[in-house]
Amino acid sequence: MSVRLQKVLAAAGVGSRRACEEMIREGRVTVDGHTASIGMSVDPETQQIRLDGARVRPAETPVYIAVYKPVGVLSSTISQGGKPTILDVVEVPKRVFPVGRLDVDSEGLMLLTNDGGLTQELTHPRYGKEKEYRVLLDGPPAPEQLERWRQGVRLSDGTRALAASVRPEGSGAWVRVVMRQGRKRQIRDTARVLGLGVRRLIRIRIGGLRLGNLKPGEWRMLDAEDVRSLRASGRPGQPQGAKPVRVRSRGRRMEERR
């Protein structure tokens, strides 16, 4: 795809578009070994662009992927003990990284991206991004246990879990948990302190992005609307509870490991 040369240079971080135009006028920019000219278009994927003899690398196209992490899959990019990683579930040519963690025994929505700015927004506590989970306990919780959970409890390592929104689903053992804090194994540890056990834990929402109808091992690319929802939901001074994002397409499922 052909793009104006000054736009390619600016996107690569060389300078402002006006500054890049001046560099081109000064004859400092070459394309495939030939001096560039103002107004020319280039294909940054196939043509070699240099500034003062140094190769200009095109800006990496942002990639955003929603994936349903299955139980037994590590949310990191490095395997431990031969366990599959989230990158075994999602195979794309672009280099992407997981945003946040889900422990190996948990499942549900994860985000993979190469966008460092969005990663910071979704993981730094100051942005207050909500995360929502469906949790199957080992039995119906008592009202007092739910109230203590909502108020926040001191965990076994001495840290305090902040207040969370917790509500039962009917009269059974399923509960919905919404929280902004994200300590390692926080839900499982909180339940243990309250005398409860966790049989299943599924993350169903990150900010304004919902798991939708993805199944374990399935994934899909996010569109511009999805990304806007992720950026908007939970920012300081803005209301929580952005409109849910509807899944419009499915990715492929991870092949069964024999």
Protein backbone atom coordinates (compact mmCIF):
# COMPACT_ATOMS: atom_id res chain seq x y z
CA MET A 1 0.00 0.00 0.00
CA SER A 2 1.43 3.35 -1.04
CA VAL A 3 1.61 6.15 1.53
CA ARG A 4 3.04 9.66 1.33
CA LEU A 5 6.73 9.52 2.26
CA GLN A 6 6.57 12.28 4.88
CA LYS A 7 3.72 10.43 6.62
CA VAL A 8 5.78 7.23 6.75
CA LEU A 9 8.76 9.12 8.20
CA ALA A 10 6.63 10.85 10.83
CA ALA A 11 4.94 7.59 11.87
CA ALA A 12 8.38 6.02 12.31
CA GLY A 13 9.27 8.75 14.83
CA VAL A 14 11.72 10.69 12.67
CA GLY A 15 9.98 14.01 13.32
CA SER A 16 6.85 16.01 12.57
CA ARG A 17 5.47 15.87 9.03
CA ARG A 18 6.70 19.41 8.40
CA ALA A 19 10.17 18.50 9.65
CA CYS A 20 10.16 15.36 7.49
CA GLU A 21 9.21 17.41 4.43
CA GLU A 22 12.21 19.66 5.09
CA MET A 23 14.51 16.61 5.34
CA ILE A 24 13.22 15.43 1.96
CA ARG A 25 13.80 18.89 0.41
CA GLU A 26 17.36 18.86 1.74
CA GLY A 27 18.04 15.60 -0.09
CA ARG A 28 18.67 13.64 3.10
CA VAL A 29 16.12 10.94 2.32
CA THR A 30 16.52 8.15 -0.23
CA VAL A 31 14.11 5.47 -1.43
CA ASP A 32 15.66 2.32 -2.88
CA GLY A 33 18.92 4.21 -3.33
CA HIS A 34 17.41 7.22 -5.12
CA THR A 35 17.01 10.71 -3.67
CA ALA A 36 13.42 11.22 -2.60
CA SER A 37 11.20 14.12 -3.61
CA ILE A 38 8.33 15.95 -1.95
CA GLY A 39 4.93 14.42 -2.65
CA MET A 40 6.14 10.97 -3.59
CA SER A 41 4.39 7.88 -2.25
CA VAL A 42 6.13 4.73 -1.05
CA ASP A 43 5.31 1.23 0.16
CA PRO A 44 7.12 1.00 3.53
CA GLU A 45 6.76 -2.80 3.55
CA THR A 46 8.63 -3.37 0.28
CA GLN A 47 10.78 -0.29 -0.31
CA GLN A 48 13.96 0.65 1.52
CA ILE A 49 13.87 4.14 3.03
CA ARG A 50 16.98 5.80 4.45
CA LEU A 51 17.64 9.07 6.26
CA ASP A 52 21.24 10.27 6.17
CA GLY A 53 22.20 6.75 5.13
CA ALA A 54 20.48 5.04 8.10
CA ARG A 55 17.58 2.66 7.44
CA VAL A 56 14.17 3.97 8.53
CA ARG A 57 12.03 1.17 9.90
CA PRO A 58 8.29 1.61 9.31
CA ALA A 59 6.09 1.93 12.36
CA GLU A 60 4.70 -1.41 13.47
CA THR A 61 1.01 -1.80 12.79
CA PRO A 62 -0.87 -2.14 16.10
CA VAL A 63 -2.45 -5.55 16.65
CA TYR A 64 -5.23 -6.27 19.17
CA ILE A 65 -6.48 -9.81 19.81
CA ALA A 66 -9.14 -11.09 22.21
CA VAL A 67 -8.60 -14.73 23.17
CA TYR A 68 -10.34 -17.24 25.43
CA LYS A 69 -7.48 -18.73 27.44
CA PRO A 70 -8.25 -22.35 28.30
CA VAL A 71 -7.47 -23.97 31.64
CA GLY A 72 -3.96 -25.44 31.64
CA VAL A 73 -2.50 -22.75 29.37
CA LEU A 74 0.06 -20.27 30.73
CA SER A 75 -0.73 -16.61 30.20
CA SER A 76 2.97 -15.85 29.69
CA THR A 77 5.03 -16.18 26.52
CA ILE A 78 7.53 -18.63 28.04
CA SER A 79 6.64 -22.25 28.77
CA GLN A 80 7.25 -23.78 32.18
CA GLY A 81 7.27 -27.52 32.70
CA GLY A 82 6.22 -28.14 29.12
CA LYS A 83 2.86 -26.40 29.53
CA PRO A 84 1.46 -24.59 26.46
CA THR A 85 1.50 -20.79 26.49
CA ILE A 86 -1.03 -18.28 25.25
CA LEU A 87 1.07 -17.91 22.07
CA ASP A 88 0.40 -21.58 21.30
CA VAL A 89 -3.29 -20.69 21.22
CA VAL A 90 -2.90 -17.58 19.03
CA GLU A 91 -0.55 -17.93 16.09
CA VAL A 92 -0.08 -14.66 14.22
CA PRO A 93 2.98 -13.36 12.33
CA LYS A 94 3.09 -10.17 14.40
CA ARG A 95 4.93 -10.14 17.73
CA VAL A 96 2.33 -9.65 20.48
CA PHE A 97 2.34 -9.83 24.27
CA PRO A 98 -0.32 -10.70 26.85
CA VAL A 99 -1.88 -7.86 28.85
CA GLY A 100 -2.08 -8.90 32.49
CA ARG A 101 -2.28 -12.47 33.74
CA LEU A 102 -4.66 -15.33 34.40
CA ASP A 103 -3.27 -18.20 36.46
CA VAL A 104 -2.91 -21.57 34.81
CA ASP A 105 -6.05 -22.97 36.51
CA SER A 106 -8.21 -20.02 35.41
CA GLU A 107 -9.76 -19.34 32.02
CA GLY A 108 -11.44 -16.65 30.00
CA LEU A 109 -10.74 -13.34 28.32
CA MET A 110 -7.20 -12.21 27.66
CA LEU A 111 -5.89 -9.44 25.44
CA LEU A 112 -2.78 -9.75 23.26
CA THR A 113 -1.27 -6.65 21.66
CA ASN A 114 1.92 -4.88 20.62
CA ASP A 115 0.51 -1.52 21.78
CA GLY A 116 2.54 -0.54 24.84
CA GLY A 117 0.39 2.51 25.57
CA LEU A 118 -2.82 0.51 25.79
CA THR A 119 -1.06 -2.13 27.89
CA GLN A 120 -0.12 0.58 30.38
CA GLU A 121 -3.70 1.86 30.52
CA LEU A 122 -5.13 -1.59 31.15
CA THR A 123 -2.65 -2.67 33.82
CA HIS A 124 -1.72 0.46 35.80
CA PRO A 125 -3.92 0.93 38.91
CA ARG A 126 -4.35 4.67 38.32
CA TYR A 127 -6.60 3.98 35.32
CA GLY A 128 -8.99 1.86 37.39
CA LYS A 129 -9.90 -0.59 34.65
CA GLU A 130 -12.60 -3.00 35.79
CA LYS A 131 -12.28 -6.74 35.30
CA GLU A 132 -15.28 -9.04 35.70
CA TYR A 133 -15.29 -12.75 36.55
CA ARG A 134 -17.74 -15.61 36.90
CA VAL A 135 -16.65 -17.77 39.82
CA LEU A 136 -17.97 -21.21 40.72
CA LEU A 137 -17.48 -21.85 44.43
CA ASP A 138 -17.57 -25.20 46.21
CA GLY A 139 -20.96 -24.33 47.64
CA PRO A 140 -23.44 -21.46 47.92
CA PRO A 141 -21.82 -18.60 49.88
CA ALA A 142 -23.47 -17.25 53.02
CA PRO A 143 -24.62 -13.60 53.01
CA GLU A 144 -21.98 -12.71 55.62
CA GLN A 145 -19.21 -14.21 53.49
CA LEU A 146 -20.30 -12.14 50.51
CA GLU A 147 -20.43 -9.00 52.64
CA ARG A 148 -16.89 -9.56 53.94
CA TRP A 149 -15.75 -10.12 50.34
CA ARG A 150 -17.33 -6.83 49.29
CA GLN A 151 -15.58 -4.96 52.09
CA GLY A 152 -12.15 -6.42 51.33
CA VAL A 153 -10.17 -8.91 53.43
CA ARG A 154 -6.58 -9.32 54.54
CA LEU A 155 -4.95 -12.07 52.52
CA SER A 156 -2.58 -14.76 53.74
CA ASP A 157 0.50 -12.80 52.60
CA GLY A 158 -0.51 -9.81 54.74
CA THR A 159 -1.74 -7.60 51.90
CA ARG A 160 -5.29 -6.34 51.84
CA ALA A 161 -7.67 -7.03 48.99
CA LEU A 162 -9.59 -3.90 48.15
CA ALA A 163 -13.36 -3.76 48.10
CA ALA A 164 -15.00 -5.55 45.19
CA SER A 165 -18.48 -5.93 43.76
CA VAL A 166 -19.72 -9.48 44.44
CA ARG A 167 -23.20 -10.80 43.74
CA PRO A 168 -24.59 -14.33 43.58
CA GLU A 169 -26.11 -15.78 40.41
CA GLY A 170 -29.38 -17.21 41.66
CA SER A 171 -29.28 -19.52 44.67
CA GLY A 172 -26.40 -21.72 43.51
CA ALA A 173 -22.62 -21.55 43.90
CA TRP A 174 -21.89 -19.16 41.01
CA VAL A 175 -20.99 -15.53 41.83
CA ARG A 176 -20.03 -12.49 39.75
CA VAL A 177 -16.97 -10.55 40.90
CA VAL A 178 -16.01 -7.11 39.55
CA MET A 179 -12.80 -5.50 40.76
CA ARG A 180 -10.13 -2.99 39.78
CA GLN A 181 -7.31 -4.45 41.82
CA GLY A 182 -5.40 -7.33 40.26
CA ARG A 183 -3.10 -9.14 42.68
CA LYS A 184 -1.88 -12.61 41.76
CA ARG A 185 -4.54 -15.26 42.54
CA GLN A 186 -6.53 -12.61 44.44
CA ILE A 187 -9.96 -14.17 43.94
CA ARG A 188 -8.80 -17.63 44.95
CA ASP A 189 -6.96 -16.29 48.02
CA THR A 190 -9.92 -14.13 49.07
CA ALA A 191 -12.27 -17.10 48.82
CA ARG A 192 -9.88 -19.23 50.87
CA VAL A 193 -9.73 -16.62 53.67
CA LEU A 194 -13.53 -16.64 53.73
CA GLY A 195 -13.64 -20.41 54.01
CA LEU A 196 -14.69 -20.95 50.42
CA GLY A 197 -13.13 -22.93 47.60
CA VAL A 198 -12.99 -22.00 43.91
CA ARG A 199 -13.91 -24.76 41.47
CA ARG A 200 -13.90 -22.63 38.32
CA LEU A 201 -12.86 -19.06 37.49
CA ILE A 202 -13.71 -17.37 34.17
CA ARG A 203 -12.83 -13.78 33.26
CA ILE A 204 -15.63 -12.40 31.10
CA ARG A 205 -14.78 -8.70 30.79
CA ILE A 206 -11.81 -6.31 30.67
CA GLY A 207 -12.97 -2.69 30.77
CA GLY A 208 -15.54 -2.39 27.99
CA LEU A 209 -14.50 -5.56 26.17
CA ARG A 210 -16.51 -8.72 26.82
CA LEU A 211 -15.68 -12.35 26.19
CA GLY A 212 -18.86 -12.69 24.16
CA ASN A 213 -19.39 -16.05 22.47
CA LEU A 214 -15.74 -17.06 22.21
CA LYS A 215 -15.07 -20.63 23.31
CA PRO A 216 -11.89 -21.98 24.97
CA GLY A 217 -9.02 -21.73 22.49
CA GLU A 218 -10.85 -19.34 20.13
CA TRP A 219 -9.68 -15.82 19.36
CA ARG A 220 -10.54 -12.84 17.19
CA MET A 221 -8.93 -9.62 16.01
CA LEU A 222 -10.38 -6.47 17.56
CA ASP A 223 -11.65 -3.66 15.37
CA ALA A 224 -11.40 0.08 15.91
CA GLU A 225 -14.66 0.17 17.88
CA ASP A 226 -13.36 -2.47 20.30
CA VAL A 227 -10.12 -0.57 20.88
CA ARG A 228 -11.96 2.72 21.48
CA SER A 229 -14.08 0.96 24.08
CA LEU A 230 -11.01 -0.40 25.84
CA ARG A 231 -9.35 3.02 25.92
CA ALA A 232 -12.45 4.86 27.11
CA SER A 233 -13.70 2.58 29.86
CA GLY A 234 -12.40 3.27 33.33
CA ARG A 235 -10.35 6.39 32.71
CA PRO A 236 -10.17 8.83 35.65
CA GLY A 237 -13.19 11.09 35.56
CA GLN A 238 -15.17 8.88 33.21
CA PRO A 239 -17.99 6.53 34.20
CA GLN A 240 -17.52 2.79 34.41
CA GLY A 241 -19.64 0.26 32.57
CA ALA A 242 -18.94 1.02 28.92
CA LYS A 243 -21.28 -0.50 26.37
CA PRO A 244 -20.44 -4.17 25.87
CA VAL A 245 -18.61 -5.05 22.66
CA ARG A 246 -20.38 -7.68 20.57
CA VAL A 247 -18.33 -10.47 19.07
CA ARG A 248 -18.76 -10.35 15.31
CA SER A 249 -16.38 -13.07 14.21
CA ARG A 250 -14.60 -16.07 15.60
CA GLY A 251 -11.01 -17.13 15.35
CA ARG A 252 -9.77 -20.64 15.25
CA ARG A 253 -9.53 -23.06 18.10
CA MET A 254 -6.30 -24.46 19.38
CA GLU A 255 -5.70 -27.97 18.17
CA GLU A 256 -6.08 -30.59 20.84
CA ARG A 257 -2.85 -31.65 22.39
CA ARG A 258 -2.47 -35.37 22.45
